[in-house]
Amino acid sequence: MRPRGEVGAVLFDLFGTLLDLAGLIAPCDLAAPGRGAELAAAWRRQQLEISWLRTAMRSFVDFEHVTRDALDGAVEELGLDLAPEARDDLLPAFERLPVAAGAVETLEDLRRQGIATGVLTNASRATLNRVLPRTRLDRLVDHALSVEAVACFKPDPAVYRLAAEASGLEPARIGFVTANGWDAAGASAFGLETAWLRADARMRLPRVGAPEPSIATWQSVADLFR
């Protein structure tokens, strides 16, 4: 048994962390030539905004529904003329994102240390059941946790509580890794030992009173929780 206070499990965010959001740009550019990066950014922003609003409003729908609504909203916001078949072809793009460079090696390193690993995501259970086998991440995680279990999205505390319930560990013994600052704030406020894969040194945690997470890279995550 690991000593009390030592991290016994490390969970990871999925979209934008284990899966690289840069992979959205190419399919978005196919659908809207010359405006792929713009569409990808607006789609992701609206996806998050809708998830936060639905949680605050207690009007939960699965993340696939949120993603469809966010795409339609982004297309309208940008004044794009997207054919119905182009929209339908684009919708699965989030599920087809590539695994982030360094993610597999980090998961393997943690497991060699005897630390349990997992995914804690806004994605639906159905999405997880498709994404994890496709990426072969299913062989590297002990826990695959979807917000569907609590019918709300991150950063609601109920979502991070799933990590404690699944692992049987108190929050201080659970590591959480994310590339999203708002997610780092939510996990840190809940009490998880949080590592933020900050893409830009100028970025700062949202000012919500959350404890500062550790700043990490894929190369340093395993050492951070060693």
Protein backbone atom coordinates (compact mmCIF):
# COMPACT_ATOMS: atom_id res chain seq x y z
CA MET A 1 0.00 0.00 0.00
CA ARG A 2 1.34 3.45 -0.92
CA PRO A 3 2.10 5.78 2.04
CA ARG A 4 -0.69 8.17 3.01
CA GLY A 5 -0.33 11.47 1.19
CA GLU A 6 1.51 9.95 -1.77
CA VAL A 7 -0.32 10.12 -5.10
CA GLY A 8 -1.88 6.76 -5.91
CA ALA A 9 -3.77 7.61 -9.08
CA VAL A 10 -3.38 10.17 -11.85
CA LEU A 11 -6.30 11.08 -14.10
CA PHE A 12 -6.19 13.03 -17.34
CA ASP A 13 -8.53 15.33 -19.20
CA LEU A 14 -9.33 14.07 -22.70
CA PHE A 15 -10.04 16.85 -25.23
CA GLY A 16 -7.12 19.23 -25.47
CA THR A 17 -4.95 17.14 -23.16
CA LEU A 18 -4.66 13.47 -24.13
CA LEU A 19 -6.08 14.38 -27.54
CA ASP A 20 -4.50 17.25 -29.47
CA LEU A 21 -6.95 20.00 -30.48
CA ALA A 22 -4.63 21.08 -33.29
CA GLY A 23 -6.11 18.13 -35.15
CA LEU A 24 -9.38 20.08 -35.55
CA ILE A 25 -7.89 22.59 -37.96
CA ALA A 26 -7.45 20.35 -41.01
CA PRO A 27 -11.01 18.95 -41.09
CA CYS A 28 -12.40 22.42 -40.37
CA ASP A 29 -10.40 23.78 -43.29
CA LEU A 30 -11.83 21.11 -45.57
CA ALA A 31 -15.32 22.19 -44.57
CA ALA A 32 -14.55 25.93 -44.71
CA PRO A 33 -11.48 26.46 -46.94
CA GLY A 34 -9.17 29.17 -45.68
CA ARG A 35 -11.03 29.53 -42.38
CA GLY A 36 -10.21 26.25 -40.68
CA ALA A 37 -8.27 27.67 -37.74
CA GLU A 38 -10.95 30.29 -37.15
CA LEU A 39 -13.74 27.72 -37.24
CA ALA A 40 -11.87 25.29 -34.98
CA ALA A 41 -11.29 28.00 -32.36
CA ALA A 42 -14.90 29.22 -32.43
CA TRP A 43 -16.24 25.65 -32.26
CA ARG A 44 -14.14 24.81 -29.22
CA ARG A 45 -14.98 28.09 -27.46
CA GLN A 46 -18.71 27.61 -27.99
CA GLN A 47 -18.46 23.96 -26.92
CA LEU A 48 -17.03 25.02 -23.56
CA GLU A 49 -19.38 27.97 -23.10
CA ILE A 50 -22.44 25.80 -23.76
CA SER A 51 -21.22 23.13 -21.34
CA TRP A 52 -20.73 25.72 -18.58
CA LEU A 53 -24.12 27.31 -19.20
CA ARG A 54 -25.93 23.98 -19.24
CA THR A 55 -24.32 23.05 -15.94
CA ALA A 56 -25.28 26.36 -14.35
CA MET A 57 -28.81 26.03 -15.76
CA ARG A 58 -29.09 22.36 -14.73
CA SER A 59 -30.10 21.45 -18.28
CA PHE A 60 -27.69 18.59 -18.99
CA VAL A 61 -27.42 16.93 -22.38
CA ASP A 62 -24.58 14.70 -23.48
CA PHE A 63 -21.40 16.22 -24.89
CA GLU A 64 -22.20 15.00 -28.40
CA HIS A 65 -25.32 17.20 -28.31
CA VAL A 66 -23.24 20.11 -26.96
CA THR A 67 -20.69 19.61 -29.73
CA ARG A 68 -23.39 19.67 -32.44
CA ASP A 69 -24.92 22.85 -31.04
CA ALA A 70 -21.48 24.44 -30.73
CA LEU A 71 -20.64 23.70 -34.36
CA ASP A 72 -23.92 25.20 -35.55
CA GLY A 73 -23.31 28.24 -33.35
CA ALA A 74 -19.74 28.69 -34.63
CA VAL A 75 -20.86 28.43 -38.26
CA GLU A 76 -23.55 31.04 -37.65
CA GLU A 77 -21.18 33.31 -35.71
CA LEU A 78 -18.63 33.28 -38.51
CA GLY A 79 -21.22 33.69 -41.26
CA LEU A 80 -20.16 30.49 -43.02
CA ASP A 81 -22.22 28.70 -45.64
CA LEU A 82 -21.70 25.08 -44.60
CA ALA A 83 -23.57 22.44 -46.59
CA PRO A 84 -25.47 19.88 -44.45
CA GLU A 85 -23.25 17.04 -45.68
CA ALA A 86 -20.11 19.04 -44.84
CA ARG A 87 -21.46 19.63 -41.31
CA ASP A 88 -22.23 15.94 -40.88
CA ASP A 89 -18.75 15.00 -42.07
CA LEU A 90 -17.18 17.47 -39.65
CA LEU A 91 -19.11 16.51 -36.51
CA PRO A 92 -16.98 13.43 -35.63
CA ALA A 93 -13.76 15.50 -35.78
CA PHE A 94 -13.40 15.65 -31.99
CA GLU A 95 -13.50 11.86 -31.78
CA ARG A 96 -10.82 11.60 -34.48
CA LEU A 97 -8.27 13.87 -32.79
CA PRO A 98 -4.74 12.45 -32.57
CA VAL A 99 -3.13 11.50 -29.29
CA ALA A 100 -0.92 14.29 -27.98
CA ALA A 101 2.83 13.80 -28.36
CA GLY A 102 4.22 12.51 -25.07
CA ALA A 103 0.92 11.27 -23.66
CA VAL A 104 1.47 7.56 -24.22
CA GLU A 105 4.98 7.63 -22.78
CA THR A 106 3.71 9.47 -19.69
CA LEU A 107 0.94 6.96 -19.07
CA GLU A 108 3.38 4.08 -19.48
CA ASP A 109 5.83 5.67 -17.06
CA LEU A 110 3.17 6.21 -14.39
CA ARG A 111 1.99 2.62 -14.68
CA ARG A 112 5.56 1.35 -14.32
CA GLN A 113 5.65 3.25 -11.04
CA GLY A 114 2.56 1.37 -9.86
CA ILE A 115 0.32 4.44 -10.11
CA ALA A 116 -3.22 3.90 -11.40
CA THR A 117 -4.19 6.01 -14.42
CA GLY A 118 -7.46 7.20 -15.87
CA VAL A 119 -9.46 9.62 -17.96
CA LEU A 120 -11.91 12.12 -16.47
CA THR A 121 -13.79 13.80 -19.28
CA ASN A 122 -16.82 15.78 -20.38
CA ALA A 123 -17.21 13.22 -23.18
CA SER A 124 -20.14 10.83 -23.10
CA ARG A 125 -19.70 7.18 -22.22
CA ALA A 126 -20.46 6.27 -25.84
CA THR A 127 -17.73 8.63 -27.06
CA LEU A 128 -15.23 7.17 -24.59
CA ASN A 129 -16.11 3.67 -25.77
CA ARG A 130 -15.18 4.68 -29.31
CA VAL A 131 -12.19 6.94 -28.65
CA LEU A 132 -10.21 4.83 -26.19
CA PRO A 133 -10.01 1.68 -28.38
CA ARG A 134 -9.31 3.74 -31.52
CA THR A 135 -6.35 5.47 -29.87
CA ARG A 136 -5.31 2.33 -27.94
CA LEU A 137 -5.41 4.39 -24.75
CA ASP A 138 -7.78 1.77 -23.33
CA ARG A 139 -4.78 -0.46 -22.57
CA LEU A 140 -3.16 2.31 -20.53
CA VAL A 141 -5.97 3.49 -18.25
CA ASP A 142 -7.55 1.87 -15.22
CA HIS A 143 -10.46 4.32 -14.98
CA ALA A 144 -12.53 5.81 -17.82
CA LEU A 145 -14.86 8.35 -16.19
CA SER A 146 -17.56 10.31 -18.00
CA VAL A 147 -19.52 13.25 -16.59
CA GLU A 148 -22.70 11.40 -17.58
CA ALA A 149 -22.53 9.73 -14.16
CA VAL A 150 -23.34 13.07 -12.48
CA ALA A 151 -25.22 14.87 -15.30
CA CYS A 152 -23.12 18.03 -15.25
CA PHE A 153 -19.88 19.23 -16.83
CA LYS A 154 -16.50 20.32 -15.51
CA PRO A 155 -15.64 22.34 -13.50
CA ASP A 156 -18.55 21.31 -11.26
CA PRO A 157 -17.09 19.67 -8.11
CA ALA A 158 -19.33 16.63 -8.63
CA VAL A 159 -17.23 15.71 -11.67
CA TYR A 160 -13.91 15.72 -9.82
CA ARG A 161 -15.55 13.74 -7.02
CA LEU A 162 -15.89 10.88 -9.51
CA ALA A 163 -12.10 10.48 -9.36
CA ALA A 164 -12.18 9.96 -5.60
CA GLU A 165 -15.07 7.53 -5.80
CA ALA A 166 -13.50 5.46 -8.60
CA SER A 167 -10.02 5.30 -7.07
CA GLY A 168 -11.05 5.01 -3.43
CA LEU A 169 -8.52 7.72 -2.58
CA GLU A 170 -8.90 11.08 -0.89
CA PRO A 171 -8.46 14.05 -3.27
CA ALA A 172 -4.98 14.93 -2.00
CA ARG A 173 -3.76 11.52 -3.18
CA ILE A 174 -5.13 11.91 -6.71
CA GLY A 175 -3.21 13.64 -9.48
CA PHE A 176 -5.03 15.38 -12.29
CA VAL A 177 -3.47 16.54 -15.55
CA THR A 178 -5.04 19.03 -17.94
CA ALA A 179 -4.00 21.54 -20.58
CA ASN A 180 -7.05 23.72 -19.86
CA GLY A 181 -6.60 26.48 -17.28
CA TRP A 182 -10.29 26.51 -16.27
CA ASP A 183 -10.11 22.73 -15.71
CA ALA A 184 -6.93 23.12 -13.66
CA ALA A 185 -8.71 25.70 -11.50
CA GLY A 186 -11.69 23.41 -10.94
CA ALA A 187 -9.60 20.36 -10.07
CA SER A 188 -7.29 22.32 -7.81
CA ALA A 189 -10.23 23.93 -5.99
CA PHE A 190 -11.66 20.45 -5.37
CA GLY A 191 -8.37 19.39 -3.78
CA LEU A 192 -6.77 17.25 -6.48
CA GLU A 193 -2.99 17.45 -6.96
CA THR A 194 -3.22 19.26 -10.28
CA ALA A 195 -0.68 19.60 -13.07
CA TRP A 196 -1.37 22.20 -15.73
CA LEU A 197 0.16 21.61 -19.16
CA ARG A 198 0.29 25.34 -19.82
CA ALA A 199 0.80 26.05 -23.51
CA ASP A 200 1.99 29.63 -23.04
CA ALA A 201 4.03 30.98 -20.11
CA ARG A 202 1.98 34.19 -20.25
CA MET A 203 -1.21 32.32 -19.35
CA ARG A 204 -2.50 32.61 -15.79
CA LEU A 205 -5.09 30.64 -13.86
CA PRO A 206 -8.55 32.26 -13.86
CA ARG A 207 -8.91 34.41 -10.73
CA VAL A 208 -11.41 32.26 -8.86
CA GLY A 209 -9.47 31.67 -5.64
CA ALA A 210 -8.27 28.19 -6.58
CA PRO A 211 -4.86 26.99 -5.33
CA GLU A 212 -2.15 27.32 -7.95
CA PRO A 213 -1.55 24.02 -9.81
CA SER A 214 1.90 22.73 -10.67
CA ILE A 215 3.07 23.82 -14.11
CA ALA A 216 4.15 20.76 -16.08
CA THR A 217 5.11 19.40 -19.48
CA TRP A 218 4.46 15.92 -20.78
CA GLN A 219 8.10 15.15 -20.01
CA SER A 220 7.77 16.20 -16.35
CA VAL A 221 4.37 14.78 -15.38
CA ALA A 222 5.60 11.34 -14.29
CA ASP A 223 8.40 12.85 -12.21
CA LEU A 224 5.95 15.29 -10.60
CA PHE A 225 3.87 12.43 -9.22
CA ARG A 226 6.73 10.01 -8.61
